[in-house]
Protein backbone atom coordinates (compact mmCIF):
# COMPACT_ATOMS: atom_id res chain seq x y z
CA MET A 1 -0.80 6.58 19.61
CA ALA A 2 -1.34 3.40 21.61
CA SER A 3 -0.30 0.05 20.17
CA GLY A 4 -3.21 -1.63 18.41
CA GLU A 5 -5.14 1.62 17.93
CA VAL A 6 -6.98 1.84 14.63
CA TYR A 7 -6.00 4.82 12.51
CA ARG A 8 -7.89 6.18 9.50
CA ALA A 9 -7.75 9.31 7.32
CA VAL A 10 -9.97 10.66 4.54
CA ALA A 11 -9.66 13.52 2.02
CA VAL A 12 -12.15 14.64 -0.63
CA LEU A 13 -11.32 16.49 -3.83
CA GLY A 14 -12.27 20.15 -3.39
CA ARG A 15 -12.73 19.79 0.39
CA GLY A 16 -9.37 18.53 1.59
CA ALA A 17 -8.99 16.39 4.69
CA VAL A 18 -12.25 15.56 6.48
CA ALA A 19 -13.14 13.63 9.59
CA PRO A 20 -12.89 9.84 9.01
CA ASP A 21 -16.62 9.46 9.67
CA ALA A 22 -17.72 12.49 7.62
CA PRO A 23 -20.29 11.84 4.84
CA ILE A 24 -18.55 11.87 1.45
CA LEU A 25 -21.06 10.08 -0.83
CA THR A 26 -24.69 10.71 -1.69
CA GLY A 27 -27.21 7.89 -1.87
CA ASP A 28 -27.49 8.24 -5.64
CA ASP A 29 -23.78 8.19 -6.40
CA LEU A 30 -23.24 5.91 -9.40
CA GLY A 31 -20.23 4.36 -7.76
CA VAL A 32 -22.60 2.99 -5.12
CA LEU A 33 -25.63 2.29 -7.31
CA ARG A 34 -23.83 0.71 -10.27
CA GLY A 35 -20.20 0.23 -9.39
CA ASP A 36 -19.42 2.88 -12.00
CA GLY A 37 -15.97 4.12 -11.11
CA VAL A 38 -12.28 3.32 -10.82
CA PHE A 39 -9.82 3.13 -7.96
CA GLU A 40 -6.23 2.39 -7.00
CA SER A 41 -4.81 0.87 -3.85
CA LEU A 42 -1.39 2.22 -2.88
CA HIS A 43 1.10 1.11 -0.26
CA ILE A 44 1.99 3.83 2.22
CA ARG A 45 5.58 3.68 3.44
CA ASP A 46 7.60 6.42 5.13
CA GLY A 47 4.54 8.64 4.92
CA GLN A 48 4.34 8.48 1.12
CA PRO A 49 2.40 6.44 -1.48
CA TRP A 50 4.78 4.01 -3.18
CA LEU A 51 4.80 4.01 -7.02
CA LEU A 52 2.31 6.87 -7.12
CA GLU A 53 3.02 7.80 -10.75
CA ASP A 54 2.56 4.20 -11.89
CA HIS A 55 -0.76 4.00 -10.08
CA LEU A 56 -1.98 7.30 -11.49
CA ALA A 57 -1.07 6.15 -15.00
CA ARG A 58 -3.03 2.92 -14.54
CA MET A 59 -5.95 4.83 -13.05
CA ALA A 60 -6.01 7.04 -16.14
CA ARG A 61 -6.11 3.95 -18.38
CA SER A 62 -8.96 2.48 -16.32
CA ALA A 63 -10.91 5.74 -16.49
CA ALA A 64 -10.43 5.92 -20.26
CA GLY A 65 -11.91 2.44 -20.58
CA LEU A 66 -15.03 3.62 -18.76
CA GLY A 67 -15.23 6.94 -20.59
CA LEU A 68 -14.76 8.60 -17.20
CA GLU A 69 -13.28 12.09 -16.96
CA LEU A 70 -10.55 11.80 -14.34
CA PRO A 71 -9.11 14.91 -12.64
CA ASP A 72 -5.56 15.74 -13.68
CA ARG A 73 -2.55 14.22 -11.96
CA VAL A 74 -1.69 17.41 -10.12
CA ALA A 75 -5.09 17.45 -8.40
CA LEU A 76 -4.92 13.74 -7.59
CA THR A 77 -1.39 14.06 -6.22
CA GLU A 78 -2.47 16.97 -4.02
CA LEU A 79 -5.39 14.90 -2.77
CA THR A 80 -3.08 12.07 -1.70
CA GLY A 81 -0.97 14.57 0.22
CA GLN A 82 -4.05 15.95 1.97
CA ALA A 83 -5.11 12.45 3.04
CA LEU A 84 -1.63 11.75 4.41
CA ALA A 85 -1.14 15.07 6.19
CA GLY A 86 -1.84 13.58 9.61
CA TRP A 87 -0.72 10.02 8.94
CA PRO A 88 2.17 8.84 11.19
CA ARG A 89 5.26 8.69 8.99
CA LYS A 90 6.50 5.36 10.32
CA ARG A 91 3.12 3.65 10.16
CA GLU A 92 2.49 1.31 7.24
CA GLY A 93 -0.83 1.88 5.54
CA VAL A 94 -3.01 1.38 2.50
CA MET A 95 -4.48 4.26 0.51
CA ARG A 96 -7.51 3.87 -1.74
CA LEU A 97 -7.84 6.58 -4.34
CA VAL A 98 -11.37 6.48 -5.80
CA CYS A 99 -13.16 8.24 -8.65
CA THR A 100 -16.83 7.53 -9.40
CA ARG A 101 -19.09 8.98 -12.08
CA GLY A 102 -20.82 11.00 -9.39
CA ARG A 103 -24.51 11.62 -8.81
CA GLU A 104 -27.08 10.03 -11.09
CA ASP A 105 -28.38 13.38 -12.32
CA GLY A 106 -25.11 15.29 -12.00
CA ASP A 107 -22.14 16.10 -14.19
CA GLN A 108 -19.29 16.01 -11.65
CA VAL A 109 -17.20 13.02 -10.66
CA THR A 110 -16.78 12.10 -7.00
CA VAL A 111 -13.14 11.77 -5.96
CA PHE A 112 -11.75 10.87 -2.55
CA ALA A 113 -8.84 9.14 -0.85
CA THR A 114 -8.85 7.03 2.28
CA VAL A 115 -5.92 5.77 4.33
CA ALA A 116 -6.09 2.88 6.79
CA ASP A 117 -3.93 0.28 8.44
CA VAL A 118 -3.05 -2.81 6.43
CA PRO A 119 -5.45 -5.60 7.48
CA ARG A 120 -3.95 -8.25 9.72
CA ALA A 121 -5.04 -11.04 7.36
CA VAL A 122 -3.01 -9.39 4.60
CA LEU A 123 0.07 -9.16 6.84
CA HIS A 124 -0.34 -12.81 7.81
CA GLY A 125 -0.42 -13.89 4.17
CA ARG A 126 2.60 -11.73 3.39
CA HIS A 127 4.73 -13.43 6.03
CA HIS A 128 3.27 -16.93 6.20
CA GLY A 129 2.05 -17.60 2.67
CA VAL A 130 -1.38 -18.52 1.35
CA ALA A 131 -3.35 -21.61 0.39
CA VAL A 132 -4.97 -21.03 -3.00
CA LEU A 133 -7.80 -22.71 -4.91
CA THR A 134 -8.34 -22.45 -8.65
CA ALA A 135 -11.70 -21.34 -10.05
CA SER A 136 -12.81 -20.95 -13.66
CA LEU A 137 -14.04 -17.60 -14.97
CA GLY A 138 -15.87 -19.44 -17.74
CA PHE A 139 -14.39 -17.64 -20.75
CA ARG A 140 -11.28 -18.06 -22.87
CA ALA A 141 -8.06 -16.25 -22.05
CA ASP A 142 -8.37 -14.02 -25.11
CA ALA A 143 -12.12 -13.27 -24.75
CA ARG A 144 -11.66 -9.77 -23.39
CA GLN A 145 -9.60 -8.72 -26.42
CA GLN A 146 -12.74 -8.89 -28.55
CA ALA A 147 -15.11 -7.55 -25.88
CA PRO A 148 -14.10 -4.08 -24.65
CA TRP A 149 -17.30 -3.89 -22.58
CA LEU A 150 -15.78 -6.51 -20.28
CA LEU A 151 -13.30 -3.78 -19.27
CA GLY A 152 -10.25 -5.99 -19.41
CA GLY A 153 -7.31 -4.37 -17.65
CA ALA A 154 -9.44 -1.75 -15.87
CA LYS A 155 -9.46 -1.49 -12.09
CA THR A 156 -13.08 -0.63 -11.38
CA VAL A 157 -15.02 -0.41 -8.12
CA SER A 158 -17.22 -3.33 -9.31
CA TYR A 159 -15.66 -5.93 -7.02
CA ALA A 160 -18.67 -8.09 -6.11
CA VAL A 161 -17.36 -11.09 -8.10
CA ASN A 162 -13.89 -10.65 -6.60
CA MET A 163 -15.22 -10.66 -3.06
CA ALA A 164 -17.57 -13.58 -3.76
CA SER A 165 -14.57 -15.56 -4.99
CA LEU A 166 -12.66 -14.88 -1.79
CA ARG A 167 -15.63 -15.86 0.37
CA TRP A 168 -15.95 -19.08 -1.60
CA ALA A 169 -12.26 -19.83 -0.98
CA ALA A 170 -12.64 -19.13 2.74
CA SER A 171 -15.66 -21.45 2.93
CA HIS A 172 -13.40 -24.21 1.58
CA GLY A 173 -10.58 -23.53 4.02
CA ALA A 174 -8.34 -21.57 1.63
CA ASP A 175 -6.96 -18.04 1.68
CA ASP A 176 -7.28 -16.96 -1.93
CA VAL A 177 -8.35 -17.86 -5.46
CA LEU A 178 -6.49 -18.13 -8.74
CA TRP A 179 -8.86 -17.56 -11.64
CA LEU A 180 -8.55 -19.81 -14.68
CA SER A 181 -9.61 -19.31 -18.28
CA ALA A 182 -12.06 -21.74 -19.88
CA GLU A 183 -9.18 -23.63 -21.49
CA GLY A 184 -7.38 -23.95 -18.14
CA TYR A 185 -4.74 -21.22 -18.10
CA CYS A 186 -3.94 -19.33 -14.90
CA LEU A 187 -4.94 -15.67 -15.08
CA GLU A 188 -4.94 -13.64 -11.87
CA ALA A 189 -6.27 -13.57 -8.32
CA PRO A 190 -9.24 -11.40 -7.29
CA THR A 191 -6.97 -8.76 -5.76
CA SER A 192 -3.48 -9.86 -6.81
CA THR A 193 -1.16 -10.60 -9.72
CA LEU A 194 0.43 -14.00 -10.26
CA VAL A 195 4.23 -14.24 -10.49
CA TRP A 196 6.26 -17.45 -10.63
CA LEU A 197 9.89 -18.54 -10.93
CA VAL A 198 11.07 -21.18 -13.41
CA GLY A 199 14.59 -21.72 -14.72
CA GLY A 200 15.87 -18.53 -13.12
CA ARG A 201 13.14 -16.48 -14.83
CA LEU A 202 10.43 -14.50 -13.05
CA CYS A 203 7.25 -14.64 -15.10
CA THR A 204 3.79 -13.17 -15.06
CA VAL A 205 0.71 -13.59 -17.25
CA PRO A 206 0.61 -11.27 -20.30
CA SER A 207 -2.01 -8.61 -19.63
CA GLU A 208 -2.53 -7.50 -23.24
CA ARG A 209 -3.29 -11.02 -24.43
CA THR A 210 -5.59 -11.92 -21.54
CA GLY A 211 -7.11 -8.63 -20.40
CA ILE A 212 -6.05 -9.16 -16.79
CA LEU A 213 -5.18 -6.15 -14.67
CA ALA A 214 -1.52 -5.22 -15.11
CA GLY A 215 -0.24 -5.39 -11.55
CA THR A 216 1.79 -2.34 -10.55
CA THR A 217 3.93 -4.13 -7.96
CA ALA A 218 4.49 -7.15 -10.19
CA ARG A 219 5.49 -4.96 -13.12
CA TRP A 220 7.96 -3.05 -10.95
CA LEU A 221 9.48 -6.34 -9.76
CA LEU A 222 9.89 -7.67 -13.29
CA ARG A 223 11.39 -4.40 -14.50
CA HIS A 224 14.06 -4.76 -11.82
CA ALA A 225 14.37 -8.56 -11.80
CA ASP A 226 18.05 -8.39 -12.79
CA ARG A 227 18.80 -6.68 -9.48
CA VAL A 228 17.85 -9.87 -7.66
CA GLY A 229 19.58 -12.15 -10.14
CA TYR A 230 16.69 -13.16 -12.39
CA GLU A 231 15.50 -12.67 -15.92
CA ALA A 232 11.92 -11.52 -16.52
CA GLY A 233 9.23 -12.57 -18.93
CA GLU A 234 5.58 -13.23 -19.66
CA ALA A 235 3.99 -16.61 -20.32
CA MET A 236 0.80 -18.60 -20.16
CA VAL A 237 0.86 -21.27 -17.47
CA THR A 238 -1.39 -24.10 -16.31
CA PRO A 239 -1.97 -25.06 -12.66
CA ALA A 240 0.14 -28.20 -13.12
CA GLU A 241 3.02 -26.17 -14.53
CA LEU A 242 2.67 -23.64 -11.74
CA ALA A 243 2.79 -26.32 -9.08
CA ALA A 244 6.07 -27.56 -10.61
CA ALA A 245 7.67 -24.11 -10.59
CA GLU A 246 10.50 -23.15 -8.25
CA GLY A 247 8.15 -20.75 -6.51
CA ALA A 248 4.92 -18.82 -7.07
CA TRP A 249 3.50 -15.70 -5.45
CA LEU A 250 0.53 -13.38 -5.38
CA LEU A 251 1.63 -9.75 -5.55
CA SER A 252 -0.29 -6.57 -4.87
CA SER A 253 0.37 -3.06 -3.69
CA VAL A 254 -0.89 -3.82 -0.18
CA ARG A 255 0.11 -7.41 0.49
CA GLY A 256 3.48 -7.05 -1.22
CA VAL A 257 4.49 -10.60 -2.01
CA ALA A 258 2.63 -13.62 -0.59
CA GLU A 259 4.03 -17.06 -1.30
CA ILE A 260 1.57 -19.60 -2.72
CA ARG A 261 2.14 -22.50 -0.35
CA THR A 262 -0.42 -24.81 -1.93
CA LEU A 263 -2.49 -24.73 -5.10
CA ASP A 264 -5.60 -26.94 -4.89
CA ALA A 265 -3.89 -28.61 -1.89
CA VAL A 266 -0.73 -29.38 -3.95
CA PRO A 267 2.51 -27.89 -2.52
CA VAL A 268 4.15 -25.27 -4.76
CA GLY A 269 7.88 -24.62 -5.05
CA SER A 270 10.90 -26.36 -3.58
CA ALA A 271 12.85 -23.47 -2.03
CA PRO A 272 11.21 -20.22 -3.19
CA PRO A 273 13.18 -17.00 -2.44
CA THR A 274 10.21 -15.36 -0.73
CA VAL A 275 12.09 -13.46 1.97
CA ARG A 276 14.56 -12.12 -0.58
CA LEU A 277 11.78 -10.84 -2.84
CA ARG A 278 9.82 -9.39 0.07
CA GLU A 279 12.82 -7.45 1.33
CA PHE A 280 13.71 -6.26 -2.17
CA LEU A 281 10.18 -4.90 -2.61
CA GLY A 282 10.35 -3.16 0.76
CA PHE A 283 7.67 -5.21 2.53
CA SER A 284 9.84 -6.57 5.34
CA GLY A 285 7.93 -5.21 8.34
CA PRO A 286 7.03 -7.33 11.38
CA PRO A 287 4.74 -10.32 10.73
CA ALA A 288 1.14 -10.36 11.92
């Protein structure tokens, strides 16, 4: 395959691998019409999806929150293998595993997996860091605890607000957004989990208290923080406290770890161990 060539793969539950441009959704699919569905993004390394079991467990929790009947793990695991059957083993990629409620008048879910190259903008942020702006979500940090219809902690395909936030950041010369609660606590980014270092302790925002999405990559890092010489914990943090931390990052399954260089134009961190964390997480490929 020539350098720079775009590579894509698609598999559909019950059909197996299909051509990348094959139709896989109907016009009345509720995932399209109403954003009624769940998904997971997985990092593809050495021809395999990293942390697959963790992602499938989170997908099951998301589906339960929507009252969505998800296929069993065996079927979903087989589907990921079908999507990766022709994927070059040494090529880094991103898989999206999607389950929607299916057709408006049907009773079967729609399930498919796609694999594609990691976007260059994501690789750039991974290796060069990101400029981040804060933006209020307009509700208190604990609001989603009392409002299950807000689907706190669920990874749904309803990402219009997330994408609008990122476009707003780009229009103001930034790379990403850090959402704040109404009382001014940092929560999460539209597609990433916040992690910061203070006093030798790697911290993230508590998902149960705030209803943010529990980041798979961030949780794996904190579970193994002792292997890179840190303690791990959860805490609430303000933008001012974050700016004073030893380092802060946005973590996701695709971007890996991206250092927050500035927060609302204020530099963050004195000497953050970004390269060390990136290599420990296995995201040390060539920069974009």
